[in-house]
Amino acid sequence: MSELRFVRMGFGADAVEYQQAWDEQRRVHAARFADEIPDTVLLLEHPPVYTAGRRTADNERPLDGTPVIDVDRGGKITWHGPGQLVGYPIQKLPRPVDVVAHVRRLEEALIRSCAEFGLETTRVEGRSGVWVLGDPVERRPSFGGLSLDFDPRLHDDEFDPRLNGPEYAPSNAGQRREDRKIAAIGIRVAKGVTMHGFALNVNPDNAWFDRIIPCGIRDAGVTSLAHELGRDVTIEDVTPVVERHLRDVLVNADLKPREIEKTPA
């Protein structure tokens, strides 16, 4: 069983600028690699900011020239801002590092946290993060008289949901009864120590996501705890719950190096 400490960097009026948090991550990462400190989770809110992971395509960025910070994590473009709990677990893992297992642990802690508030969430095959599942396609409402079986987002390479109004806005995925992401995860592992982490939508203005293609996914959207539960939920409510489940999952995990398949001689 390993030690795990939490550092609440700043929320609300004390929200932490992205560059400041990134610099602090690197400082803590170096200290953790040198075994000067235990595994550490930084928790905070950011002022509104778009960040783009290494796989972000040009056609997923804001069309209006809104600034985007390019970062060294995996994944694609996303938004951070008020009403979103951001966590950066900086944890030393055994080598060879099992990145997928680390992501699954973060997902599990967030799934348990949502469940404690009465919301059932899950994983989606091939897509990281935590999701609220939508209805089957045949049971979803149609928009503009068109069946979603012919959703242009899936079949028209020239279609851009950012230019086609609220019918296709990621923030309206709940109205369309589509799958919608409630927590995004994007990480980096350097020298066997993790960086970056998760962003859980508690009660943000999800319209911020409509300027981009969130996480590069065109056929789903975003949601929040407050929206799904239909009641007020705050960062202050959620933070201790997420801490408790992260502690339980990360501290009690049976960390193992990634298994490497040996090629027969």
C-alpha atoms as a PDB file:
ATOM      1  CA  MET A   1       0.000   0.000   0.000  1.00  0.00           C
ATOM      2  CA  SER A   2       1.489   3.316  -1.107  1.00  0.00           C
ATOM      3  CA  GLU A   3       1.071   6.785   0.373  1.00  0.00           C
ATOM      4  CA  LEU A   4      -1.038   9.346  -1.472  1.00  0.00           C
ATOM      5  CA  ARG A   5      -1.401  13.038  -0.692  1.00  0.00           C
ATOM      6  CA  PHE A   6      -3.862  15.578  -2.100  1.00  0.00           C
ATOM      7  CA  VAL A   7      -3.082  19.226  -2.774  1.00  0.00           C
ATOM      8  CA  ARG A   8      -6.040  21.549  -3.358  1.00  0.00           C
ATOM      9  CA  MET A   9      -4.415  24.262  -5.442  1.00  0.00           C
ATOM     10  CA  GLY A  10      -7.331  26.651  -5.948  1.00  0.00           C
ATOM     11  CA  PHE A  11     -11.033  26.892  -6.786  1.00  0.00           C
ATOM     12  CA  GLY A  12     -13.577  29.574  -7.659  1.00  0.00           C
ATOM     13  CA  ALA A  13     -12.053  33.022  -7.250  1.00  0.00           C
ATOM     14  CA  ASP A  14      -8.713  31.295  -6.649  1.00  0.00           C
ATOM     15  CA  ALA A  15      -8.861  29.192  -9.841  1.00  0.00           C
ATOM     16  CA  VAL A  16      -5.397  28.328 -11.128  1.00  0.00           C
ATOM     17  CA  GLU A  17      -4.146  29.512 -14.515  1.00  0.00           C
ATOM     18  CA  TYR A  18      -3.287  26.585 -16.758  1.00  0.00           C
ATOM     19  CA  GLN A  19       0.379  27.510 -17.199  1.00  0.00           C
ATOM     20  CA  GLN A  20       0.832  27.837 -13.438  1.00  0.00           C
ATOM     21  CA  ALA A  21      -0.658  24.393 -12.879  1.00  0.00           C
ATOM     22  CA  TRP A  22       1.447  22.896 -15.671  1.00  0.00           C
ATOM     23  CA  ASP A  23       4.613  24.350 -14.121  1.00  0.00           C
ATOM     24  CA  GLU A  24       3.604  22.936 -10.732  1.00  0.00           C
ATOM     25  CA  GLN A  25       2.974  19.525 -12.292  1.00  0.00           C
ATOM     26  CA  ARG A  26       6.486  19.469 -13.679  1.00  0.00           C
ATOM     27  CA  ARG A  27       7.961  20.495 -10.326  1.00  0.00           C
ATOM     28  CA  VAL A  28       6.019  17.805  -8.458  1.00  0.00           C
ATOM     29  CA  HIS A  29       6.820  15.268 -11.189  1.00  0.00           C
ATOM     30  CA  ALA A  30      10.565  15.848 -10.755  1.00  0.00           C
ATOM     31  CA  ALA A  31      10.276  15.549  -6.975  1.00  0.00           C
ATOM     32  CA  ARG A  32       8.273  12.339  -7.253  1.00  0.00           C
ATOM     33  CA  PHE A  33      10.776  10.825  -9.691  1.00  0.00           C
ATOM     34  CA  ALA A  34      13.539  11.601  -7.174  1.00  0.00           C
ATOM     35  CA  ASP A  35      11.453   9.995  -4.379  1.00  0.00           C
ATOM     36  CA  GLU A  36      11.466  13.265  -2.468  1.00  0.00           C
ATOM     37  CA  ILE A  37       7.673  13.216  -2.086  1.00  0.00           C
ATOM     38  CA  PRO A  38       4.914  10.571  -2.174  1.00  0.00           C
ATOM     39  CA  ASP A  39       2.413  10.110  -4.983  1.00  0.00           C
ATOM     40  CA  THR A  40       0.485  13.381  -5.232  1.00  0.00           C
ATOM     41  CA  VAL A  41      -2.851  14.477  -6.711  1.00  0.00           C
ATOM     42  CA  LEU A  42      -3.275  18.161  -7.559  1.00  0.00           C
ATOM     43  CA  LEU A  43      -6.941  19.250  -7.491  1.00  0.00           C
ATOM     44  CA  LEU A  44      -8.164  22.579  -8.853  1.00  0.00           C
ATOM     45  CA  GLU A  45     -10.366  24.605 -11.162  1.00  0.00           C
ATOM     46  CA  HIS A  46      -8.995  26.500 -14.159  1.00  0.00           C
ATOM     47  CA  PRO A  47     -10.183  29.787 -15.656  1.00  0.00           C
ATOM     48  CA  PRO A  48     -11.646  29.078 -19.141  1.00  0.00           C
ATOM     49  CA  VAL A  49      -9.004  27.536 -21.399  1.00  0.00           C
ATOM     50  CA  TYR A  50      -8.773  25.189 -24.372  1.00  0.00           C
ATOM     51  CA  THR A  51      -5.940  22.655 -24.347  1.00  0.00           C
ATOM     52  CA  ALA A  52      -4.908  20.383 -27.190  1.00  0.00           C
ATOM     53  CA  GLY A  53      -3.224  17.022 -26.781  1.00  0.00           C
ATOM     54  CA  ARG A  54      -0.708  15.666 -29.245  1.00  0.00           C
ATOM     55  CA  ARG A  55      -3.291  14.019 -31.534  1.00  0.00           C
ATOM     56  CA  THR A  56      -5.453  17.125 -32.054  1.00  0.00           C
ATOM     57  CA  ALA A  57      -6.266  17.828 -35.720  1.00  0.00           C
ATOM     58  CA  ASP A  58      -6.506  21.338 -37.124  1.00  0.00           C
ATOM     59  CA  ASN A  59     -10.187  20.855 -38.001  1.00  0.00           C
ATOM     60  CA  GLU A  60     -11.059  20.162 -34.341  1.00  0.00           C
ATOM     61  CA  ARG A  61      -9.908  23.550 -33.022  1.00  0.00           C
ATOM     62  CA  PRO A  62     -12.073  26.685 -32.571  1.00  0.00           C
ATOM     63  CA  LEU A  63     -13.054  28.303 -35.866  1.00  0.00           C
ATOM     64  CA  ASP A  64     -12.992  31.829 -34.425  1.00  0.00           C
ATOM     65  CA  GLY A  65      -9.309  31.871 -33.579  1.00  0.00           C
ATOM     66  CA  THR A  66      -9.807  31.401 -29.832  1.00  0.00           C
ATOM     67  CA  PRO A  67      -6.359  30.660 -28.344  1.00  0.00           C
ATOM     68  CA  VAL A  68      -5.493  27.034 -27.616  1.00  0.00           C
ATOM     69  CA  ILE A  69      -2.648  25.801 -25.418  1.00  0.00           C
ATOM     70  CA  ASP A  70      -0.835  22.828 -26.970  1.00  0.00           C
ATOM     71  CA  VAL A  71       0.249  20.378 -24.282  1.00  0.00           C
ATOM     72  CA  ASP A  72       2.278  17.191 -24.041  1.00  0.00           C
ATOM     73  CA  ARG A  73      -0.486  14.839 -22.891  1.00  0.00           C
ATOM     74  CA  GLY A  74      -2.214  12.215 -24.967  1.00  0.00           C
ATOM     75  CA  GLY A  75      -5.657  12.698 -26.438  1.00  0.00           C
ATOM     76  CA  LYS A  76      -7.121  15.622 -28.339  1.00  0.00           C
ATOM     77  CA  ILE A  77      -8.637  19.028 -27.673  1.00  0.00           C
ATOM     78  CA  THR A  78     -10.817  19.807 -24.668  1.00  0.00           C
ATOM     79  CA  TRP A  79     -11.942  22.704 -22.506  1.00  0.00           C
ATOM     80  CA  HIS A  80     -11.296  23.448 -18.834  1.00  0.00           C
ATOM     81  CA  GLY A  81     -13.034  26.072 -16.770  1.00  0.00           C
ATOM     82  CA  PRO A  82     -15.341  27.026 -13.909  1.00  0.00           C
ATOM     83  CA  GLY A  83     -17.574  24.240 -12.659  1.00  0.00           C
ATOM     84  CA  GLN A  84     -15.125  21.524 -13.673  1.00  0.00           C
ATOM     85  CA  LEU A  85     -13.025  19.604 -11.153  1.00  0.00           C
ATOM     86  CA  VAL A  86      -9.578  18.973 -12.604  1.00  0.00           C
ATOM     87  CA  GLY A  87      -7.233  16.415 -11.102  1.00  0.00           C
ATOM     88  CA  TYR A  88      -3.577  15.769 -11.901  1.00  0.00           C
ATOM     89  CA  PRO A  89      -2.415  12.491 -10.286  1.00  0.00           C
ATOM     90  CA  ILE A  90       1.389  12.369 -10.233  1.00  0.00           C
ATOM     91  CA  GLN A  91       2.128   8.769  -9.431  1.00  0.00           C
ATOM     92  CA  LYS A  92       5.164   6.530  -9.851  1.00  0.00           C
ATOM     93  CA  LEU A  93       4.314   3.313 -11.699  1.00  0.00           C
ATOM     94  CA  PRO A  94       6.333   0.115 -12.136  1.00  0.00           C
ATOM     95  CA  ARG A  95       8.078  -0.314 -15.462  1.00  0.00           C
ATOM     96  CA  PRO A  96       7.245  -1.244 -18.161  1.00  0.00           C
ATOM     97  CA  VAL A  97       4.400   1.203 -17.474  1.00  0.00           C
ATOM     98  CA  ASP A  98       0.843   0.007 -18.056  1.00  0.00           C
ATOM     99  CA  VAL A  99      -0.763   3.247 -19.235  1.00  0.00           C
ATOM    100  CA  VAL A 100      -4.143   1.662 -19.954  1.00  0.00           C
ATOM    101  CA  ALA A 101      -4.384   0.254 -16.424  1.00  0.00           C
ATOM    102  CA  HIS A 102      -3.698   3.728 -15.005  1.00  0.00           C
ATOM    103  CA  VAL A 103      -6.452   5.269 -17.145  1.00  0.00           C
ATOM    104  CA  ARG A 104      -8.868   2.517 -16.073  1.00  0.00           C
ATOM    105  CA  ARG A 105      -8.141   3.256 -12.401  1.00  0.00           C
ATOM    106  CA  LEU A 106      -8.926   6.933 -12.869  1.00  0.00           C
ATOM    107  CA  GLU A 107     -12.133   6.038 -14.696  1.00  0.00           C
ATOM    108  CA  GLU A 108     -13.131   3.672 -11.901  1.00  0.00           C
ATOM    109  CA  ALA A 109     -12.674   6.329  -9.204  1.00  0.00           C
ATOM    110  CA  LEU A 110     -14.823   8.787 -11.173  1.00  0.00           C
ATOM    111  CA  ILE A 111     -17.504   6.194 -11.928  1.00  0.00           C
ATOM    112  CA  ARG A 112     -17.750   5.465  -8.197  1.00  0.00           C
ATOM    113  CA  SER A 113     -17.890   9.191  -7.423  1.00  0.00           C
ATOM    114  CA  CYS A 114     -20.767   9.782  -9.849  1.00  0.00           C
ATOM    115  CA  ALA A 115     -22.604   6.778  -8.421  1.00  0.00           C
ATOM    116  CA  GLU A 116     -22.404   8.279  -4.945  1.00  0.00           C
ATOM    117  CA  PHE A 117     -24.414  11.241  -6.248  1.00  0.00           C
ATOM    118  CA  GLY A 118     -26.961   8.920  -7.821  1.00  0.00           C
ATOM    119  CA  LEU A 119     -25.749   8.964 -11.437  1.00  0.00           C
ATOM    120  CA  GLU A 120     -24.911   5.758 -13.307  1.00  0.00           C
ATOM    121  CA  THR A 121     -21.943   6.171 -15.624  1.00  0.00           C
ATOM    122  CA  THR A 122     -19.757   3.769 -17.534  1.00  0.00           C
ATOM    123  CA  ARG A 123     -16.923   3.314 -20.010  1.00  0.00           C
ATOM    124  CA  VAL A 124     -17.344   3.242 -23.781  1.00  0.00           C
ATOM    125  CA  GLU A 125     -15.272   0.767 -25.756  1.00  0.00           C
ATOM    126  CA  GLY A 126     -12.474   2.511 -27.619  1.00  0.00           C
ATOM    127  CA  ARG A 127     -13.110   5.880 -25.946  1.00  0.00           C
ATOM    128  CA  SER A 128     -11.392   6.945 -22.739  1.00  0.00           C
ATOM    129  CA  GLY A 129     -13.173   8.849 -20.014  1.00  0.00           C
ATOM    130  CA  VAL A 130     -16.463   8.382 -18.181  1.00  0.00           C
ATOM    131  CA  TRP A 131     -19.764   8.406 -20.033  1.00  0.00           C
ATOM    132  CA  VAL A 132     -23.514   8.624 -19.607  1.00  0.00           C
ATOM    133  CA  LEU A 133     -24.995   6.274 -22.190  1.00  0.00           C
ATOM    134  CA  GLY A 134     -27.668   7.499 -24.566  1.00  0.00           C
ATOM    135  CA  ASP A 135     -30.609   5.650 -26.059  1.00  0.00           C
ATOM    136  CA  PRO A 136     -30.206   3.195 -28.948  1.00  0.00           C
ATOM    137  CA  VAL A 137     -30.210   5.057 -32.278  1.00  0.00           C
ATOM    138  CA  GLU A 138     -33.696   3.865 -33.209  1.00  0.00           C
ATOM    139  CA  ARG A 139     -35.174   5.364 -30.027  1.00  0.00           C
ATOM    140  CA  ARG A 140     -33.539   8.784 -30.255  1.00  0.00           C
ATOM    141  CA  PRO A 141     -35.568  11.823 -31.370  1.00  0.00           C
ATOM    142  CA  SER A 142     -35.038  12.977 -34.950  1.00  0.00           C
ATOM    143  CA  PHE A 143     -34.022  16.534 -35.806  1.00  0.00           C
ATOM    144  CA  GLY A 144     -34.914  18.442 -38.945  1.00  0.00           C
ATOM    145  CA  GLY A 145     -37.034  15.530 -40.129  1.00  0.00           C
ATOM    146  CA  LEU A 146     -33.988  13.321 -40.639  1.00  0.00           C
ATOM    147  CA  SER A 147     -33.396  10.000 -38.962  1.00  0.00           C
ATOM    148  CA  LEU A 148     -30.204   9.845 -36.956  1.00  0.00           C
ATOM    149  CA  ASP A 149     -29.390   6.709 -38.965  1.00  0.00           C
ATOM    150  CA  PHE A 150     -28.309   9.246 -41.595  1.00  0.00           C
ATOM    151  CA  ASP A 151     -26.456  11.507 -39.210  1.00  0.00           C
ATOM    152  CA  PRO A 152     -24.251  13.700 -41.440  1.00  0.00           C
ATOM    153  CA  ARG A 153     -21.572  13.799 -38.756  1.00  0.00           C
ATOM    154  CA  LEU A 154     -20.897  10.157 -39.527  1.00  0.00           C
ATOM    155  CA  HIS A 155     -21.338  10.026 -43.288  1.00  0.00           C
ATOM    156  CA  ASP A 156     -20.389  13.431 -44.719  1.00  0.00           C
ATOM    157  CA  ASP A 157     -16.677  14.208 -44.633  1.00  0.00           C
ATOM    158  CA  GLU A 158     -17.392  17.902 -45.322  1.00  0.00           C
ATOM    159  CA  PHE A 159     -19.941  18.306 -42.503  1.00  0.00           C
ATOM    160  CA  ASP A 160     -18.794  20.426 -39.570  1.00  0.00           C
ATOM    161  CA  PRO A 161     -21.029  20.363 -36.466  1.00  0.00           C
ATOM    162  CA  ARG A 162     -19.489  23.663 -35.292  1.00  0.00           C
ATOM    163  CA  LEU A 163     -21.211  25.425 -38.210  1.00  0.00           C
ATOM    164  CA  ASN A 164     -24.632  23.826 -37.959  1.00  0.00           C
ATOM    165  CA  GLY A 165     -26.233  25.248 -34.862  1.00  0.00           C
ATOM    166  CA  PRO A 166     -27.723  23.756 -31.707  1.00  0.00           C
ATOM    167  CA  GLU A 167     -29.050  20.588 -33.372  1.00  0.00           C
ATOM    168  CA  TYR A 168     -25.499  19.257 -33.499  1.00  0.00           C
ATOM    169  CA  ALA A 169     -23.917  21.107 -30.563  1.00  0.00           C
ATOM    170  CA  PRO A 170     -22.027  18.808 -28.152  1.00  0.00           C
ATOM    171  CA  SER A 171     -23.719  20.549 -25.216  1.00  0.00           C
ATOM    172  CA  ASN A 172     -27.135  19.388 -26.485  1.00  0.00           C
ATOM    173  CA  ALA A 173     -26.269  15.684 -26.662  1.00  0.00           C
ATOM    174  CA  GLY A 174     -28.594  14.983 -23.733  1.00  0.00           C
ATOM    175  CA  GLN A 175     -31.558  16.371 -25.669  1.00  0.00           C
ATOM    176  CA  ARG A 176     -30.605  14.121 -28.566  1.00  0.00           C
ATOM    177  CA  ARG A 177     -30.311  11.191 -26.119  1.00  0.00           C
ATOM    178  CA  GLU A 178     -26.795  10.447 -27.368  1.00  0.00           C
ATOM    179  CA  ASP A 179     -23.811   9.161 -25.421  1.00  0.00           C
ATOM    180  CA  ARG A 180     -22.258  12.067 -23.562  1.00  0.00           C
ATOM    181  CA  LYS A 181     -18.961  12.397 -21.757  1.00  0.00           C
ATOM    182  CA  ILE A 182     -19.007  13.594 -18.163  1.00  0.00           C
ATOM    183  CA  ALA A 183     -15.282  13.192 -17.461  1.00  0.00           C
ATOM    184  CA  ALA A 184     -12.344  13.430 -19.843  1.00  0.00           C
ATOM    185  CA  ILE A 185      -8.996  11.758 -19.241  1.00  0.00           C
ATOM    186  CA  GLY A 186      -5.676  12.540 -20.880  1.00  0.00           C
ATOM    187  CA  ILE A 187      -2.308  11.595 -19.411  1.00  0.00           C
ATOM    188  CA  ARG A 188       1.391  11.498 -20.047  1.00  0.00           C
ATOM    189  CA  VAL A 189       3.955   9.198 -18.463  1.00  0.00           C
ATOM    190  CA  ALA A 190       7.563  10.376 -18.287  1.00  0.00           C
ATOM    191  CA  LYS A 191      10.332   8.457 -16.491  1.00  0.00           C
ATOM    192  CA  GLY A 192       7.703   6.116 -15.106  1.00  0.00           C
ATOM    193  CA  VAL A 193       5.749   8.936 -13.400  1.00  0.00           C
ATOM    194  CA  THR A 194       2.306  10.072 -14.549  1.00  0.00           C
ATOM    195  CA  MET A 195       1.229  13.628 -15.382  1.00  0.00           C
ATOM    196  CA  HIS A 196      -1.993  15.351 -16.440  1.00  0.00           C
ATOM    197  CA  GLY A 197      -5.148  13.417 -15.560  1.00  0.00           C
ATOM    198  CA  PHE A 198      -8.905  14.027 -15.541  1.00  0.00           C
ATOM    199  CA  ALA A 199     -11.559  16.732 -15.779  1.00  0.00           C
ATOM    200  CA  LEU A 200     -14.960  15.999 -14.235  1.00  0.00           C
ATOM    201  CA  ASN A 201     -17.836  18.223 -15.345  1.00  0.00           C
ATOM    202  CA  VAL A 202     -19.676  19.170 -12.166  1.00  0.00           C
ATOM    203  CA  ASN A 203     -21.702  22.254 -13.122  1.00  0.00           C
ATOM    204  CA  PRO A 204     -19.897  24.084 -15.972  1.00  0.00           C
ATOM    205  CA  ASP A 205     -21.393  26.002 -18.878  1.00  0.00           C
ATOM    206  CA  ASN A 206     -21.072  23.208 -21.427  1.00  0.00           C
ATOM    207  CA  ALA A 207     -21.607  25.636 -24.309  1.00  0.00           C
ATOM    208  CA  TRP A 208     -17.839  26.210 -24.151  1.00  0.00           C
ATOM    209  CA  PHE A 209     -17.464  22.776 -25.786  1.00  0.00           C
ATOM    210  CA  ASP A 210     -19.512  23.852 -28.815  1.00  0.00           C
ATOM    211  CA  ARG A 211     -16.592  25.822 -30.297  1.00  0.00           C
ATOM    212  CA  ILE A 212     -14.490  22.672 -30.699  1.00  0.00           C
ATOM    213  CA  ILE A 213     -14.816  18.985 -31.520  1.00  0.00           C
ATOM    214  CA  PRO A 214     -14.404  17.753 -27.917  1.00  0.00           C
ATOM    215  CA  CYS A 215     -11.792  15.006 -27.749  1.00  0.00           C
ATOM    216  CA  GLY A 216     -12.144  14.721 -31.542  1.00  0.00           C
ATOM    217  CA  ILE A 217     -15.470  12.866 -31.183  1.00  0.00           C
ATOM    218  CA  ARG A 218     -18.160  14.046 -33.609  1.00  0.00           C
ATOM    219  CA  ASP A 219     -21.024  11.649 -32.874  1.00  0.00           C
ATOM    220  CA  ALA A 220     -21.397  12.225 -29.108  1.00  0.00           C
ATOM    221  CA  GLY A 221     -21.419  15.135 -26.703  1.00  0.00           C
ATOM    222  CA  VAL A 222     -20.765  16.356 -23.190  1.00  0.00           C
ATOM    223  CA  THR A 223     -22.733  16.612 -19.973  1.00  0.00           C
ATOM    224  CA  SER A 224     -22.344  17.365 -16.280  1.00  0.00           C
ATOM    225  CA  LEU A 225     -23.411  16.031 -12.907  1.00  0.00           C
ATOM    226  CA  ALA A 226     -25.741  18.967 -12.315  1.00  0.00           C
ATOM    227  CA  HIS A 227     -27.402  18.588 -15.726  1.00  0.00           C
ATOM    228  CA  GLU A 228     -27.934  14.856 -15.456  1.00  0.00           C
ATOM    229  CA  LEU A 229     -29.210  14.992 -11.876  1.00  0.00           C
ATOM    230  CA  GLY A 230     -31.386  18.038 -12.491  1.00  0.00           C
ATOM    231  CA  ARG A 231     -30.203  19.746  -9.331  1.00  0.00           C
ATOM    232  CA  ASP A 232     -27.425  21.947  -8.057  1.00  0.00           C
ATOM    233  CA  VAL A 233     -24.132  20.169  -7.435  1.00  0.00           C
ATOM    234  CA  THR A 234     -21.001  22.122  -6.587  1.00  0.00           C
ATOM    235  CA  ILE A 235     -17.256  21.611  -6.738  1.00  0.00           C
ATOM    236  CA  GLU A 236     -17.266  21.847  -2.950  1.00  0.00           C
ATOM    237  CA  ASP A 237     -19.720  18.919  -2.792  1.00  0.00           C
ATOM    238  CA  VAL A 238     -17.786  16.753  -5.204  1.00  0.00           C
ATOM    239  CA  THR A 239     -14.138  17.290  -4.254  1.00  0.00           C
ATOM    240  CA  PRO A 240     -14.052  15.243  -1.014  1.00  0.00           C
ATOM    241  CA  VAL A 241     -15.992  12.414  -2.679  1.00  0.00           C
ATOM    242  CA  VAL A 242     -13.535  12.245  -5.588  1.00  0.00           C
ATOM    243  CA  GLU A 243     -10.606  12.368  -3.166  1.00  0.00           C
ATOM    244  CA  ARG A 244     -11.981   9.437  -1.205  1.00  0.00           C
ATOM    245  CA  HIS A 245     -12.535   7.259  -4.249  1.00  0.00           C
ATOM    246  CA  LEU A 246      -9.192   8.180  -5.798  1.00  0.00           C
ATOM    247  CA  ARG A 247      -7.487   7.254  -2.560  1.00  0.00           C
ATOM    248  CA  ASP A 248      -9.299   3.943  -2.393  1.00  0.00           C
ATOM    249  CA  VAL A 249      -8.574   3.035  -6.015  1.00  0.00           C
ATOM    250  CA  LEU A 250      -5.006   4.319  -6.333  1.00  0.00           C
ATOM    251  CA  VAL A 251      -3.684   3.358  -2.902  1.00  0.00           C
ATOM    252  CA  ASN A 252      -5.177  -0.122  -2.946  1.00  0.00           C
ATOM    253  CA  ALA A 253      -4.313  -0.920  -6.552  1.00  0.00           C
ATOM    254  CA  ASP A 254      -2.095  -3.918  -7.135  1.00  0.00           C
ATOM    255  CA  LEU A 255       0.380  -2.134  -9.373  1.00  0.00           C
ATOM    256  CA  LYS A 256       2.024  -4.416 -11.855  1.00  0.00           C
ATOM    257  CA  PRO A 257       4.315  -3.725 -14.801  1.00  0.00           C
ATOM    258  CA  ARG A 258       2.834  -4.136 -18.239  1.00  0.00           C
ATOM    259  CA  GLU A 259       3.225  -7.671 -19.520  1.00  0.00           C
ATOM    260  CA  ILE A 260       5.366  -7.892 -22.625  1.00  0.00           C
ATOM    261  CA  GLU A 261       4.568 -10.702 -25.018  1.00  0.00           C
ATOM    262  CA  LYS A 262       7.660 -12.576 -26.022  1.00  0.00           C
ATOM    263  CA  THR A 263       8.031 -13.476 -29.650  1.00  0.00           C
ATOM    264  CA  PRO A 264       8.767 -17.206 -30.084  1.00  0.00           C
ATOM    265  CA  ALA A 265      12.293 -17.800 -31.217  1.00  0.00           C
END
